[in-house]
C-alpha atoms as a PDB file:
ATOM      1  CA  MET A   1      99.228 116.108 145.993  1.00  0.00           C
ATOM      2  CA  SER A   2     101.431 114.207 143.652  1.00  0.00           C
ATOM      3  CA  GLU A   3     104.865 115.924 142.657  1.00  0.00           C
ATOM      4  CA  LEU A   4     103.540 115.470 138.966  1.00  0.00           C
ATOM      5  CA  PHE A   5     101.030 118.234 139.524  1.00  0.00           C
ATOM      6  CA  ILE A   6     102.911 120.680 141.802  1.00  0.00           C
ATOM      7  CA  SER A   7     106.519 120.468 140.197  1.00  0.00           C
ATOM      8  CA  GLU A   8     107.365 123.816 138.307  1.00  0.00           C
ATOM      9  CA  SER A   9     108.389 122.089 135.234  1.00  0.00           C
ATOM     10  CA  SER A  10     105.157 120.043 134.661  1.00  0.00           C
ATOM     11  CA  ALA A  11     103.222 123.180 135.398  1.00  0.00           C
ATOM     12  CA  ARG A  12     105.087 125.044 132.759  1.00  0.00           C
ATOM     13  CA  LEU A  13     104.696 122.363 130.272  1.00  0.00           C
ATOM     14  CA  ARG A  14     100.886 122.453 130.624  1.00  0.00           C
ATOM     15  CA  ILE A  15     100.846 126.129 130.450  1.00  0.00           C
ATOM     16  CA  LEU A  16     102.818 125.896 127.147  1.00  0.00           C
ATOM     17  CA  LEU A  17     100.386 123.325 125.875  1.00  0.00           C
ATOM     18  CA  ALA A  18      97.288 125.398 126.792  1.00  0.00           C
ATOM     19  CA  ALA A  19      98.835 128.431 125.141  1.00  0.00           C
ATOM     20  CA  GLY A  20      99.443 126.475 122.029  1.00  0.00           C
ATOM     21  CA  TYR A  21      96.011 124.942 121.991  1.00  0.00           C
ATOM     22  CA  ALA A  22      94.213 128.348 122.427  1.00  0.00           C
ATOM     23  CA  LEU A  23      96.160 129.531 119.417  1.00  0.00           C
ATOM     24  CA  PHE A  24      95.239 126.294 117.514  1.00  0.00           C
ATOM     25  CA  ILE A  25      91.231 127.264 118.508  1.00  0.00           C
ATOM     26  CA  ALA A  26      91.874 130.865 117.292  1.00  0.00           C
ATOM     27  CA  TYR A  27      93.266 129.810 114.063  1.00  0.00           C
ATOM     28  CA  VAL A  28      90.538 127.435 113.354  1.00  0.00           C
ATOM     29  CA  SER A  29      87.674 129.929 114.409  1.00  0.00           C
ATOM     30  CA  LEU A  30      89.137 133.039 112.538  1.00  0.00           C
ATOM     31  CA  SER A  31      90.753 131.580 109.256  1.00  0.00           C
ATOM     32  CA  PRO A  32      91.046 132.491 106.405  1.00  0.00           C
ATOM     33  CA  PHE A  33      91.769 135.802 108.190  1.00  0.00           C
ATOM     34  CA  SER A  34      90.280 137.780 105.176  1.00  0.00           C
ATOM     35  CA  GLY A  35      87.327 139.895 104.406  1.00  0.00           C
ATOM     36  CA  TRP A  36      87.222 141.790 107.586  1.00  0.00           C
ATOM     37  CA  ARG A  37      84.329 144.289 107.829  1.00  0.00           C
ATOM     38  CA  ASP A  38      81.849 145.596 110.328  1.00  0.00           C
ATOM     39  CA  GLN A  39      78.523 143.714 109.451  1.00  0.00           C
ATOM     40  CA  GLY A  40      76.443 146.188 111.722  1.00  0.00           C
ATOM     41  CA  LEU A  41      76.139 143.519 114.575  1.00  0.00           C
ATOM     42  CA  SER A  42      76.565 144.013 118.237  1.00  0.00           C
ATOM     43  CA  PHE A  43      77.613 141.473 120.793  1.00  0.00           C
ATOM     44  CA  ILE A  44      74.422 141.959 122.537  1.00  0.00           C
ATOM     45  CA  ASP A  45      72.554 141.047 119.505  1.00  0.00           C
ATOM     46  CA  VAL A  46      74.587 137.507 119.416  1.00  0.00           C
ATOM     47  CA  LEU A  47      73.885 136.726 123.002  1.00  0.00           C
ATOM     48  CA  GLN A  48      70.181 137.521 122.812  1.00  0.00           C
ATOM     49  CA  MET A  49      69.708 135.280 119.571  1.00  0.00           C
ATOM     50  CA  PRO A  50      67.402 132.054 119.959  1.00  0.00           C
ATOM     51  CA  LEU A  51      69.598 129.314 121.023  1.00  0.00           C
ATOM     52  CA  LEU A  52      68.667 127.004 118.125  1.00  0.00           C
ATOM     53  CA  GLU A  53      68.594 129.626 115.328  1.00  0.00           C
ATOM     54  CA  THR A  54      72.017 128.720 114.099  1.00  0.00           C
ATOM     55  CA  PHE A  55      71.984 124.986 115.495  1.00  0.00           C
ATOM     56  CA  THR A  56      73.398 122.028 113.446  1.00  0.00           C
ATOM     57  CA  PRO A  57      74.283 119.040 115.025  1.00  0.00           C
ATOM     58  CA  PHE A  58      77.755 118.704 113.491  1.00  0.00           C
ATOM     59  CA  ASP A  59      78.671 122.064 114.825  1.00  0.00           C
ATOM     60  CA  ALA A  60      77.480 121.511 118.240  1.00  0.00           C
ATOM     61  CA  VAL A  61      79.432 118.177 118.626  1.00  0.00           C
ATOM     62  CA  VAL A  62      82.679 119.843 116.962  1.00  0.00           C
ATOM     63  CA  ASN A  63      82.351 122.769 119.204  1.00  0.00           C
ATOM     64  CA  LEU A  64      82.047 120.606 122.235  1.00  0.00           C
ATOM     65  CA  LEU A  65      84.730 118.223 121.594  1.00  0.00           C
ATOM     66  CA  ALA A  66      87.115 120.988 120.436  1.00  0.00           C
ATOM     67  CA  TYR A  67      87.166 122.509 123.935  1.00  0.00           C
ATOM     68  CA  ILE A  68      87.311 119.396 126.030  1.00  0.00           C
ATOM     69  CA  PRO A  69      91.093 119.260 125.539  1.00  0.00           C
ATOM     70  CA  PHE A  70      91.464 123.045 126.152  1.00  0.00           C
ATOM     71  CA  GLY A  71      89.568 122.479 129.674  1.00  0.00           C
ATOM     72  CA  PHE A  72      91.480 119.400 130.337  1.00  0.00           C
ATOM     73  CA  ILE A  73      95.022 121.170 129.860  1.00  0.00           C
ATOM     74  CA  VAL A  74      93.907 124.246 131.633  1.00  0.00           C
ATOM     75  CA  GLY A  75      92.611 122.301 134.425  1.00  0.00           C
ATOM     76  CA  LEU A  76      95.602 120.390 135.012  1.00  0.00           C
ATOM     77  CA  ALA A  77      97.763 123.673 134.867  1.00  0.00           C
ATOM     78  CA  LEU A  78      95.494 125.278 137.521  1.00  0.00           C
ATOM     79  CA  ARG A  79      95.475 122.171 139.635  1.00  0.00           C
ATOM     80  CA  ALA A  80      99.072 122.627 140.221  1.00  0.00           C
ATOM     81  CA  ARG A  81      98.555 125.546 142.428  1.00  0.00           C
ATOM     82  CA  PHE A  82      94.941 125.389 143.390  1.00  0.00           C
ATOM     83  CA  GLY A  83      91.964 123.238 144.703  1.00  0.00           C
ATOM     84  CA  MET A  84      89.615 121.352 142.694  1.00  0.00           C
ATOM     85  CA  THR A  85      86.830 123.720 142.866  1.00  0.00           C
ATOM     86  CA  VAL A  86      88.703 126.646 142.083  1.00  0.00           C
ATOM     87  CA  SER A  87      90.510 124.969 139.152  1.00  0.00           C
ATOM     88  CA  VAL A  88      87.098 123.856 137.573  1.00  0.00           C
ATOM     89  CA  ILE A  89      85.555 127.518 138.031  1.00  0.00           C
ATOM     90  CA  VAL A  90      88.664 129.186 136.516  1.00  0.00           C
ATOM     91  CA  ALA A  91      89.237 126.804 133.785  1.00  0.00           C
ATOM     92  CA  VAL A  92      85.436 127.400 132.511  1.00  0.00           C
ATOM     93  CA  ALA A  93      85.983 130.898 132.823  1.00  0.00           C
ATOM     94  CA  CYS A  94      88.922 130.825 130.689  1.00  0.00           C
ATOM     95  CA  GLY A  95      87.108 128.673 128.220  1.00  0.00           C
ATOM     96  CA  LEU A  96      83.948 131.080 128.127  1.00  0.00           C
ATOM     97  CA  ALA A  97      86.397 134.157 127.803  1.00  0.00           C
ATOM     98  CA  LEU A  98      88.231 132.504 124.789  1.00  0.00           C
ATOM     99  CA  SER A  99      85.023 131.455 123.111  1.00  0.00           C
ATOM    100  CA  SER A 100      83.490 134.818 123.835  1.00  0.00           C
ATOM    101  CA  GLY A 101      86.437 136.405 122.079  1.00  0.00           C
ATOM    102  CA  MET A 102      86.245 134.263 119.140  1.00  0.00           C
ATOM    103  CA  GLU A 103      82.451 134.807 118.694  1.00  0.00           C
ATOM    104  CA  TYR A 104      83.037 138.627 118.975  1.00  0.00           C
ATOM    105  CA  VAL A 105      85.937 138.770 116.322  1.00  0.00           C
ATOM    106  CA  GLN A 106      83.883 136.465 114.079  1.00  0.00           C
ATOM    107  CA  MET A 107      81.190 139.317 113.912  1.00  0.00           C
ATOM    108  CA  TYR A 108      83.793 140.992 111.613  1.00  0.00           C
ATOM    109  CA  LEU A 109      84.203 137.941 109.443  1.00  0.00           C
ATOM    110  CA  PRO A 110      81.356 137.584 106.826  1.00  0.00           C
ATOM    111  CA  ALA A 111      82.390 133.964 105.985  1.00  0.00           C
ATOM    112  CA  ARG A 112      81.731 133.266 109.807  1.00  0.00           C
ATOM    113  CA  ILE A 113      78.769 133.202 112.022  1.00  0.00           C
ATOM    114  CA  SER A 114      78.810 134.528 115.671  1.00  0.00           C
ATOM    115  CA  SER A 115      76.481 132.347 117.951  1.00  0.00           C
ATOM    116  CA  ASN A 116      75.690 132.296 121.559  1.00  0.00           C
ATOM    117  CA  LEU A 117      75.219 128.334 121.162  1.00  0.00           C
ATOM    118  CA  ASP A 118      78.762 127.988 120.372  1.00  0.00           C
ATOM    119  CA  MET A 119      79.646 129.699 123.284  1.00  0.00           C
ATOM    120  CA  LEU A 120      77.457 127.468 125.308  1.00  0.00           C
ATOM    121  CA  THR A 121      78.846 124.144 123.830  1.00  0.00           C
ATOM    122  CA  ASN A 122      82.525 125.594 123.854  1.00  0.00           C
ATOM    123  CA  SER A 123      81.811 126.525 127.737  1.00  0.00           C
ATOM    124  CA  THR A 124      80.318 122.816 128.291  1.00  0.00           C
ATOM    125  CA  GLY A 125      83.335 121.106 126.613  1.00  0.00           C
ATOM    126  CA  THR A 126      85.648 123.091 128.837  1.00  0.00           C
ATOM    127  CA  LEU A 127      83.753 122.062 131.869  1.00  0.00           C
ATOM    128  CA  LEU A 128      83.886 118.344 131.024  1.00  0.00           C
ATOM    129  CA  GLY A 129      87.711 118.659 130.302  1.00  0.00           C
ATOM    130  CA  ALA A 130      88.388 120.518 133.400  1.00  0.00           C
ATOM    131  CA  LEU A 131      86.173 117.919 135.542  1.00  0.00           C
ATOM    132  CA  LEU A 132      88.206 115.166 133.738  1.00  0.00           C
ATOM    133  CA  ALA A 133      91.438 116.941 134.970  1.00  0.00           C
ATOM    134  CA  VAL A 134      90.722 117.360 138.488  1.00  0.00           C
ATOM    135  CA  SER A 135      89.443 113.736 138.509  1.00  0.00           C
ATOM    136  CA  ALA A 136      92.662 112.666 137.020  1.00  0.00           C
ATOM    137  CA  THR A 137      94.670 114.146 139.714  1.00  0.00           C
ATOM    138  CA  SER A 138      93.303 111.613 142.150  1.00  0.00           C
ATOM    139  CA  TRP A 139      94.819 108.688 140.361  1.00  0.00           C
ATOM    140  CA  ARG A 140      98.181 108.689 142.223  1.00  0.00           C
ATOM    141  CA  TRP A 141      99.230 105.596 140.726  1.00  0.00           C
ATOM    142  CA  LEU A 142      99.111 107.134 137.291  1.00  0.00           C
ATOM    143  CA  HIS A 143     101.047 110.334 138.629  1.00  0.00           C
ATOM    144  CA  THR A 144     103.925 108.237 140.078  1.00  0.00           C
ATOM    145  CA  ALA A 145     104.256 106.195 136.804  1.00  0.00           C
ATOM    146  CA  LEU A 146     104.182 109.513 134.748  1.00  0.00           C
ATOM    147  CA  VAL A 147     106.787 111.298 136.831  1.00  0.00           C
ATOM    148  CA  ARG A 148     109.207 108.172 136.703  1.00  0.00           C
ATOM    149  CA  TRP A 149     108.466 107.949 132.911  1.00  0.00           C
ATOM    150  CA  ARG A 150     109.033 111.521 132.320  1.00  0.00           C
ATOM    151  CA  ARG A 151     112.142 111.845 134.496  1.00  0.00           C
ATOM    152  CA  GLY A 152     113.678 108.620 133.082  1.00  0.00           C
ATOM    153  CA  LEU A 153     113.207 109.231 129.357  1.00  0.00           C
ATOM    154  CA  PHE A 154     113.565 113.098 128.952  1.00  0.00           C
ATOM    155  CA  ARG A 155     115.922 115.866 130.227  1.00  0.00           C
ATOM    156  CA  LEU A 156     114.601 118.494 132.538  1.00  0.00           C
ATOM    157  CA  GLY A 157     114.361 122.115 132.073  1.00  0.00           C
ATOM    158  CA  PRO A 158     112.368 124.918 130.606  1.00  0.00           C
ATOM    159  CA  GLU A 159     113.992 124.382 126.957  1.00  0.00           C
ATOM    160  CA  MET A 160     113.047 120.691 127.334  1.00  0.00           C
ATOM    161  CA  ASP A 161     109.510 121.526 128.227  1.00  0.00           C
ATOM    162  CA  PHE A 162     109.397 123.944 125.241  1.00  0.00           C
ATOM    163  CA  GLY A 163     110.903 120.893 122.926  1.00  0.00           C
ATOM    164  CA  LEU A 164     108.122 118.537 124.340  1.00  0.00           C
ATOM    165  CA  ALA A 165     105.544 121.016 123.482  1.00  0.00           C
ATOM    166  CA  LEU A 166     107.136 121.374 120.052  1.00  0.00           C
ATOM    167  CA  LEU A 167     107.058 117.484 119.593  1.00  0.00           C
ATOM    168  CA  THR A 168     103.361 117.491 120.279  1.00  0.00           C
ATOM    169  CA  LEU A 169     102.853 120.218 117.702  1.00  0.00           C
ATOM    170  CA  TRP A 170     104.814 118.226 114.984  1.00  0.00           C
ATOM    171  CA  ILE A 171     102.781 115.230 115.470  1.00  0.00           C
ATOM    172  CA  PHE A 172      99.579 117.167 115.128  1.00  0.00           C
ATOM    173  CA  GLY A 173     100.967 118.820 111.972  1.00  0.00           C
ATOM    174  CA  GLN A 174     101.632 115.455 110.552  1.00  0.00           C
ATOM    175  CA  ILE A 175      98.366 113.482 111.142  1.00  0.00           C
ATOM    176  CA  ASN A 176      96.409 115.139 108.238  1.00  0.00           C
ATOM    177  CA  PRO A 177      95.530 112.185 105.968  1.00  0.00           C
ATOM    178  CA  THR A 178      95.581 114.533 103.012  1.00  0.00           C
ATOM    179  CA  LEU A 179      99.444 115.061 103.234  1.00  0.00           C
ATOM    180  CA  PRO A 180     101.718 112.192 102.508  1.00  0.00           C
ATOM    181  CA  MET A 181     103.688 110.533 105.431  1.00  0.00           C
ATOM    182  CA  LEU A 182     106.002 113.312 106.513  1.00  0.00           C
ATOM    183  CA  GLY A 183     105.416 115.130 103.260  1.00  0.00           C
ATOM    184  CA  HIS A 184     104.442 118.745 102.280  1.00  0.00           C
ATOM    185  CA  VAL A 185     102.452 118.554  99.036  1.00  0.00           C
ATOM    186  CA  PHE A 186      98.846 118.301  99.636  1.00  0.00           C
ATOM    187  CA  ILE A 187      97.164 115.193  97.637  1.00  0.00           C
ATOM    188  CA  SER A 188      94.640 116.266  95.247  1.00  0.00           C
ATOM    189  CA  GLU A 189      91.939 114.789  93.033  1.00  0.00           C
ATOM    190  CA  ALA A 190      94.420 114.860  90.203  1.00  0.00           C
ATOM    191  CA  ALA A 191      96.258 111.997  91.935  1.00  0.00           C
ATOM    192  CA  ARG A 192      93.797 109.586  90.949  1.00  0.00           C
ATOM    193  CA  GLN A 193      90.253 109.640  89.576  1.00  0.00           C
ATOM    194  CA  PRO A 194      87.738 107.059  91.021  1.00  0.00           C
ATOM    195  CA  PHE A 195      86.591 104.230  88.518  1.00  0.00           C
ATOM    196  CA  ALA A 196      89.682 105.306  86.382  1.00  0.00           C
ATOM    197  CA  ALA A 197      93.058 103.956  85.851  1.00  0.00           C
ATOM    198  CA  PRO A 198      95.707 106.159  87.733  1.00  0.00           C
ATOM    199  CA  MET A 199      97.389 108.700  85.584  1.00  0.00           C
ATOM    200  CA  PRO A 200     101.093 108.112  85.719  1.00  0.00           C
ATOM    201  CA  GLN A 201     102.754 110.656  88.061  1.00  0.00           C
ATOM    202  CA  PRO A 202     106.354 111.761  87.759  1.00  0.00           C
ATOM    203  CA  PHE A 203     108.395 110.793  90.874  1.00  0.00           C
ATOM    204  CA  LEU A 204     108.853 114.019  93.040  1.00  0.00           C
ATOM    205  CA  TRP A 205     112.562 113.803  94.083  1.00  0.00           C
ATOM    206  CA  LEU A 206     112.316 117.168  96.064  1.00  0.00           C
ATOM    207  CA  GLU A 207     109.366 115.830  97.886  1.00  0.00           C
ATOM    208  CA  ALA A 208     111.454 112.884  98.962  1.00  0.00           C
ATOM    209  CA  ALA A 209     114.157 115.161 100.155  1.00  0.00           C
ATOM    210  CA  VAL A 210     111.551 117.292 102.079  1.00  0.00           C
ATOM    211  CA  VAL A 211     110.347 113.879 103.792  1.00  0.00           C
ATOM    212  CA  MET A 212     113.968 113.103 104.545  1.00  0.00           C
ATOM    213  CA  LEU A 213     114.617 116.534 106.103  1.00  0.00           C
ATOM    214  CA  ASN A 214     111.422 116.321 108.157  1.00  0.00           C
ATOM    215  CA  LEU A 215     112.362 112.947 109.566  1.00  0.00           C
ATOM    216  CA  LEU A 216     115.817 114.296 110.523  1.00  0.00           C
ATOM    217  CA  MET A 217     114.350 117.424 112.125  1.00  0.00           C
ATOM    218  CA  LEU A 218     112.215 114.901 114.455  1.00  0.00           C
ATOM    219  CA  GLY A 219     115.493 112.884 114.972  1.00  0.00           C
ATOM    220  CA  VAL A 220     117.338 116.065 116.109  1.00  0.00           C
ATOM    221  CA  LEU A 221     114.589 116.954 118.368  1.00  0.00           C
ATOM    222  CA  LEU A 222     114.586 113.785 120.041  1.00  0.00           C
ATOM    223  CA  LEU A 223     118.397 113.615 120.299  1.00  0.00           C
ATOM    224  CA  THR A 224     118.163 116.828 122.357  1.00  0.00           C
ATOM    225  CA  LEU A 225     115.230 115.679 124.485  1.00  0.00           C
ATOM    226  CA  LEU A 226     116.023 112.093 125.646  1.00  0.00           C
ATOM    227  CA  ARG A 227     118.338 111.333 128.208  1.00  0.00           C
ATOM    228  CA  ALA A 228     119.511 108.156 126.662  1.00  0.00           C
ATOM    229  CA  ARG A 229     120.350 107.995 122.988  1.00  0.00           C
ATOM    230  CA  ARG A 230     119.654 104.342 122.704  1.00  0.00           C
ATOM    231  CA  SER A 231     115.950 105.367 123.222  1.00  0.00           C
ATOM    232  CA  VAL A 232     116.167 107.555 120.189  1.00  0.00           C
ATOM    233  CA  VAL A 233     115.268 104.620 117.709  1.00  0.00           C
ATOM    234  CA  THR A 234     112.504 103.215 119.660  1.00  0.00           C
ATOM    235  CA  SER A 235     110.876 106.697 120.413  1.00  0.00           C
ATOM    236  CA  LEU A 236     110.960 107.323 116.646  1.00  0.00           C
ATOM    237  CA  LEU A 237     109.507 104.097 115.488  1.00  0.00           C
ATOM    238  CA  VAL A 238     106.902 104.902 118.115  1.00  0.00           C
ATOM    239  CA  ILE A 239     106.285 108.313 116.900  1.00  0.00           C
ATOM    240  CA  LEU A 240     106.066 107.316 113.304  1.00  0.00           C
ATOM    241  CA  SER A 241     103.742 104.262 113.898  1.00  0.00           C
ATOM    242  CA  VAL A 242     101.280 106.549 116.094  1.00  0.00           C
ATOM    243  CA  VAL A 243     101.258 109.208 113.225  1.00  0.00           C
ATOM    244  CA  ALA A 244     100.734 106.184 110.842  1.00  0.00           C
ATOM    245  CA  LEU A 245      97.850 104.840 112.775  1.00  0.00           C
ATOM    246  CA  ILE A 246      96.199 108.223 113.203  1.00  0.00           C
ATOM    247  CA  LYS A 247      96.585 109.050 109.478  1.00  0.00           C
ATOM    248  CA  PHE A 248      94.872 105.769 108.584  1.00  0.00           C
ATOM    249  CA  ILE A 249      91.972 106.047 110.918  1.00  0.00           C
ATOM    250  CA  ALA A 250      91.463 109.870 109.766  1.00  0.00           C
ATOM    251  CA  ALA A 251      91.664 108.763 106.245  1.00  0.00           C
ATOM    252  CA  ALA A 252      89.159 106.016 106.649  1.00  0.00           C
ATOM    253  CA  ILE A 253      86.656 108.534 108.390  1.00  0.00           C
ATOM    254  CA  LEU A 254      87.350 111.468 106.363  1.00  0.00           C
ATOM    255  CA  LEU A 255      88.547 110.541 102.474  1.00  0.00           C
ATOM    256  CA  LYS A 256      86.951 108.802  99.838  1.00  0.00           C
ATOM    257  CA  SER A 257      87.520 105.147  99.781  1.00  0.00           C
ATOM    258  CA  TRP A 258      89.887 104.962  96.796  1.00  0.00           C
ATOM    259  CA  ALA A 259      92.143 107.704  98.524  1.00  0.00           C
ATOM    260  CA  LEU A 260      92.418 105.577 101.681  1.00  0.00           C
ATOM    261  CA  LEU A 261      96.170 104.871 101.325  1.00  0.00           C
ATOM    262  CA  LEU A 262      97.186 107.849  99.071  1.00  0.00           C
ATOM    263  CA  TRP A 263      99.465 109.198 101.880  1.00  0.00           C
ATOM    264  CA  ILE A 264     101.538 106.186 101.661  1.00  0.00           C
ATOM    265  CA  ASN A 265     103.711 107.125  98.281  1.00  0.00           C
ATOM    266  CA  GLY A 266     107.022 106.277  96.895  1.00  0.00           C
ATOM    267  CA  GLU A 267     108.301 109.936  97.870  1.00  0.00           C
ATOM    268  CA  ALA A 268     107.504 109.444 101.329  1.00  0.00           C
ATOM    269  CA  MET A 269     108.973 105.916 101.728  1.00  0.00           C
ATOM    270  CA  LEU A 270     112.137 106.990 100.055  1.00  0.00           C
ATOM    271  CA  GLY A 271     112.457 109.995 102.218  1.00  0.00           C
ATOM    272  CA  ILE A 272     111.950 107.950 105.391  1.00  0.00           C
ATOM    273  CA  LEU A 273     114.437 105.540 104.512  1.00  0.00           C
ATOM    274  CA  LEU A 274     117.077 108.193 103.728  1.00  0.00           C
ATOM    275  CA  GLY A 275     116.390 109.996 106.721  1.00  0.00           C
ATOM    276  CA  ILE A 276     116.805 107.045 109.141  1.00  0.00           C
ATOM    277  CA  SER A 277     120.042 106.219 107.187  1.00  0.00           C
ATOM    278  CA  VAL A 278     121.456 109.568 107.803  1.00  0.00           C
ATOM    279  CA  LEU A 279     120.161 109.683 111.327  1.00  0.00           C
ATOM    280  CA  PHE A 280     122.047 106.482 112.033  1.00  0.00           C
ATOM    281  CA  MET A 281     125.355 108.344 110.771  1.00  0.00           C
ATOM    282  CA  ILE A 282     124.832 111.172 113.407  1.00  0.00           C
ATOM    283  CA  TYR A 283     123.542 109.241 116.077  1.00  0.00           C
ATOM    284  CA  SER A 284     126.760 108.716 118.100  1.00  0.00           C
ATOM    285  CA  GLN A 285     128.087 112.168 117.511  1.00  0.00           C
ATOM    286  CA  SER A 286     128.543 114.721 120.336  1.00  0.00           C
ATOM    287  CA  ARG A 287     125.443 116.878 121.356  1.00  0.00           C
ATOM    288  CA  ARG A 288     127.214 119.952 119.895  1.00  0.00           C
ATOM    289  CA  THR A 289     127.487 118.320 116.483  1.00  0.00           C
ATOM    290  CA  VAL A 290     124.063 116.920 116.805  1.00  0.00           C
ATOM    291  CA  ILE A 291     122.723 120.457 117.319  1.00  0.00           C
ATOM    292  CA  ILE A 292     124.879 122.233 114.520  1.00  0.00           C
ATOM    293  CA  PHE A 293     123.773 119.326 111.963  1.00  0.00           C
ATOM    294  CA  GLY A 294     120.119 120.133 113.332  1.00  0.00           C
ATOM    295  CA  VAL A 295     120.398 123.778 112.441  1.00  0.00           C
ATOM    296  CA  ILE A 296     121.787 122.895 108.863  1.00  0.00           C
ATOM    297  CA  VAL A 297     118.580 120.495 108.487  1.00  0.00           C
ATOM    298  CA  THR A 298     116.330 122.785 109.727  1.00  0.00           C
ATOM    299  CA  LEU A 299     117.512 125.738 107.579  1.00  0.00           C
ATOM    300  CA  SER A 300     117.489 123.505 104.467  1.00  0.00           C
ATOM    301  CA  ASP A 301     113.973 122.341 105.391  1.00  0.00           C
ATOM    302  CA  PHE A 302     112.873 125.951 105.642  1.00  0.00           C
ATOM    303  CA  ILE A 303     114.435 127.175 102.373  1.00  0.00           C
ATOM    304  CA  ALA A 304     112.915 123.925 100.541  1.00  0.00           C
ATOM    305  CA  ILE A 305     109.341 124.258 101.833  1.00  0.00           C
ATOM    306  CA  ASN A 306     109.098 128.080 101.131  1.00  0.00           C
ATOM    307  CA  PHE A 307     111.109 128.778  98.236  1.00  0.00           C
ATOM    308  CA  VAL A 308     111.903 125.304  96.210  1.00  0.00           C
ATOM    309  CA  VAL A 309     109.042 122.805  96.500  1.00  0.00           C
ATOM    310  CA  ASP A 310     105.682 123.774  94.944  1.00  0.00           C
ATOM    311  CA  GLY A 311     103.141 122.516  97.057  1.00  0.00           C
ATOM    312  CA  ASN A 312      99.303 122.601  96.542  1.00  0.00           C
ATOM    313  CA  SER A 313      96.882 124.818  98.513  1.00  0.00           C
ATOM    314  CA  PRO A 314      94.937 123.355 101.265  1.00  0.00           C
ATOM    315  CA  ALA A 315      91.900 123.739  99.029  1.00  0.00           C
ATOM    316  CA  ALA A 316      93.407 121.315  96.576  1.00  0.00           C
ATOM    317  CA  ALA A 317      92.768 118.379  98.951  1.00  0.00           C
ATOM    318  CA  MET A 318      89.121 119.098  99.583  1.00  0.00           C
ATOM    319  CA  SER A 319      88.136 117.103  96.671  1.00  0.00           C
ATOM    320  CA  ILE A 320      89.263 113.828  98.088  1.00  0.00           C
ATOM    321  CA  TYR A 321      87.370 114.318 101.333  1.00  0.00           C
ATOM    322  CA  HIS A 322      83.915 112.529 101.085  1.00  0.00           C
ATOM    323  CA  TRP A 323      82.356 114.842 103.152  1.00  0.00           C
ATOM    324  CA  HIS A 324      82.817 118.747 103.133  1.00  0.00           C
ATOM    325  CA  TYR A 325      82.553 121.015 106.273  1.00  0.00           C
ATOM    326  CA  GLY A 326      84.583 124.116 106.379  1.00  0.00           C
ATOM    327  CA  HIS A 327      86.348 122.714 109.376  1.00  0.00           C
ATOM    328  CA  LEU A 328      88.422 120.469 107.040  1.00  0.00           C
ATOM    329  CA  LEU A 329      89.565 123.452 104.990  1.00  0.00           C
ATOM    330  CA  ASN A 330      90.850 125.093 108.343  1.00  0.00           C
ATOM    331  CA  TYR A 331      92.353 122.217 109.241  1.00  0.00           C
ATOM    332  CA  ASN A 332      94.431 121.628 106.199  1.00  0.00           C
ATOM    333  CA  GLY A 333      95.500 125.258 106.371  1.00  0.00           C
ATOM    334  CA  LEU A 334      96.425 124.831 109.956  1.00  0.00           C
ATOM    335  CA  ALA A 335      98.539 121.853 108.976  1.00  0.00           C
ATOM    336  CA  GLN A 336     100.451 123.719 106.492  1.00  0.00           C
ATOM    337  CA  THR A 337     100.903 126.432 108.756  1.00  0.00           C
ATOM    338  CA  ILE A 338     102.557 124.197 111.195  1.00  0.00           C
ATOM    339  CA  THR A 339     104.674 122.713 108.465  1.00  0.00           C
ATOM    340  CA  LEU A 340     105.798 126.325 107.646  1.00  0.00           C
ATOM    341  CA  ILE A 341     106.447 127.570 111.211  1.00  0.00           C
ATOM    342  CA  PHE A 342     107.874 124.482 112.613  1.00  0.00           C
ATOM    343  CA  PRO A 343     111.524 125.108 111.475  1.00  0.00           C
ATOM    344  CA  VAL A 344     111.678 128.458 113.011  1.00  0.00           C
ATOM    345  CA  LEU A 345     110.207 127.137 116.354  1.00  0.00           C
ATOM    346  CA  LEU A 346     112.910 124.099 116.204  1.00  0.00           C
ATOM    347  CA  LEU A 347     115.678 126.770 115.568  1.00  0.00           C
ATOM    348  CA  PHE A 348     114.576 128.618 118.610  1.00  0.00           C
ATOM    349  CA  HIS A 349     114.643 125.258 120.695  1.00  0.00           C
ATOM    350  CA  LEU A 350     118.229 124.302 119.497  1.00  0.00           C
ATOM    351  CA  TRP A 351     119.351 127.812 120.302  1.00  0.00           C
ATOM    352  CA  ARG A 352     118.025 127.431 123.838  1.00  0.00           C
ATOM    353  CA  ALA A 353     119.378 124.084 124.067  1.00  0.00           C
ATOM    354  CA  VAL A 354     123.058 125.393 123.144  1.00  0.00           C
ATOM    355  CA  LYS A 355     122.506 128.197 125.727  1.00  0.00           C
ATOM    356  CA  ALA A 356     121.538 125.916 128.353  1.00  0.00           C
ATOM    357  CA  GLY A 357     124.387 123.566 127.687  1.00  0.00           C
ATOM    358  CA  ASN A 358     126.757 126.652 127.952  1.00  0.00           C
ATOM    359  CA  ASN A 359     125.558 127.429 131.434  1.00  0.00           C
END
């Protein structure tokens, strides 16, 4: 079996990603985490319901697609230690256990509906993801290329695995099309009314500063992860391009036509330019200096987004969507949560990087 699938480092990273994705599913399944009460249901009642009683095509597709990545990541993590059959069976069991747990807890949320069909579609999605994972392990040419790319580009070690998982989390939090590019304040209907001239809006200097701090946090994270600093600029441009492309695609699918490019605003562009300029200034500094700078930037961002910048609520952005499913509000809430907790997780990563450097 390829080293990519048996090495301790690669297995550890996949376990981190699987745990993070399970938390994502729990957040989306249980938010807004309010109104808890016993509704007089038993889990046996949920299991015995007619399968099509709560069926909607949209929910079925969402539940199926949501668990495919979970099955894929768990399948890869298990494949590092077990054979194909065991990996698939255990991955499906994990998906079924997670889905059952979510449906059980949803019985105590009046805003949610527990459904045995959801368990079935979630388990099917996990099965598809696990089958894809074990199939991918036979692509040895891909294994070799990924091992070479990972070892050549990124530092190794448990703290670097956590950093890579953190980078994935950052990207996921930034692709929401109702947030400005690297911004924090949700876009709302007040930004522009359809078929009417846009109202003049004041330039939000604090929002531009938050964008700058966000980009600097990304830059510092990359500087701690990458082996060669000459790769930082290229990696930064690739990540920003990927985020912008996904934002554009998501906006085209989810938002009203007139709101397609609202996430590209003056505050975001100024913040990105300022962030890149400052990043070039610390580019050649020592690793210790970069980490100290990263701590200062991260603390500044945490203070700004929690105590200085007045951001719209996730619900404020719902008016610019052209379709309205509860999943979108949950997604907006998750994006906001990631923005709030990312500085704390980055501080933990920087502390681990310093500790590893002293050993």
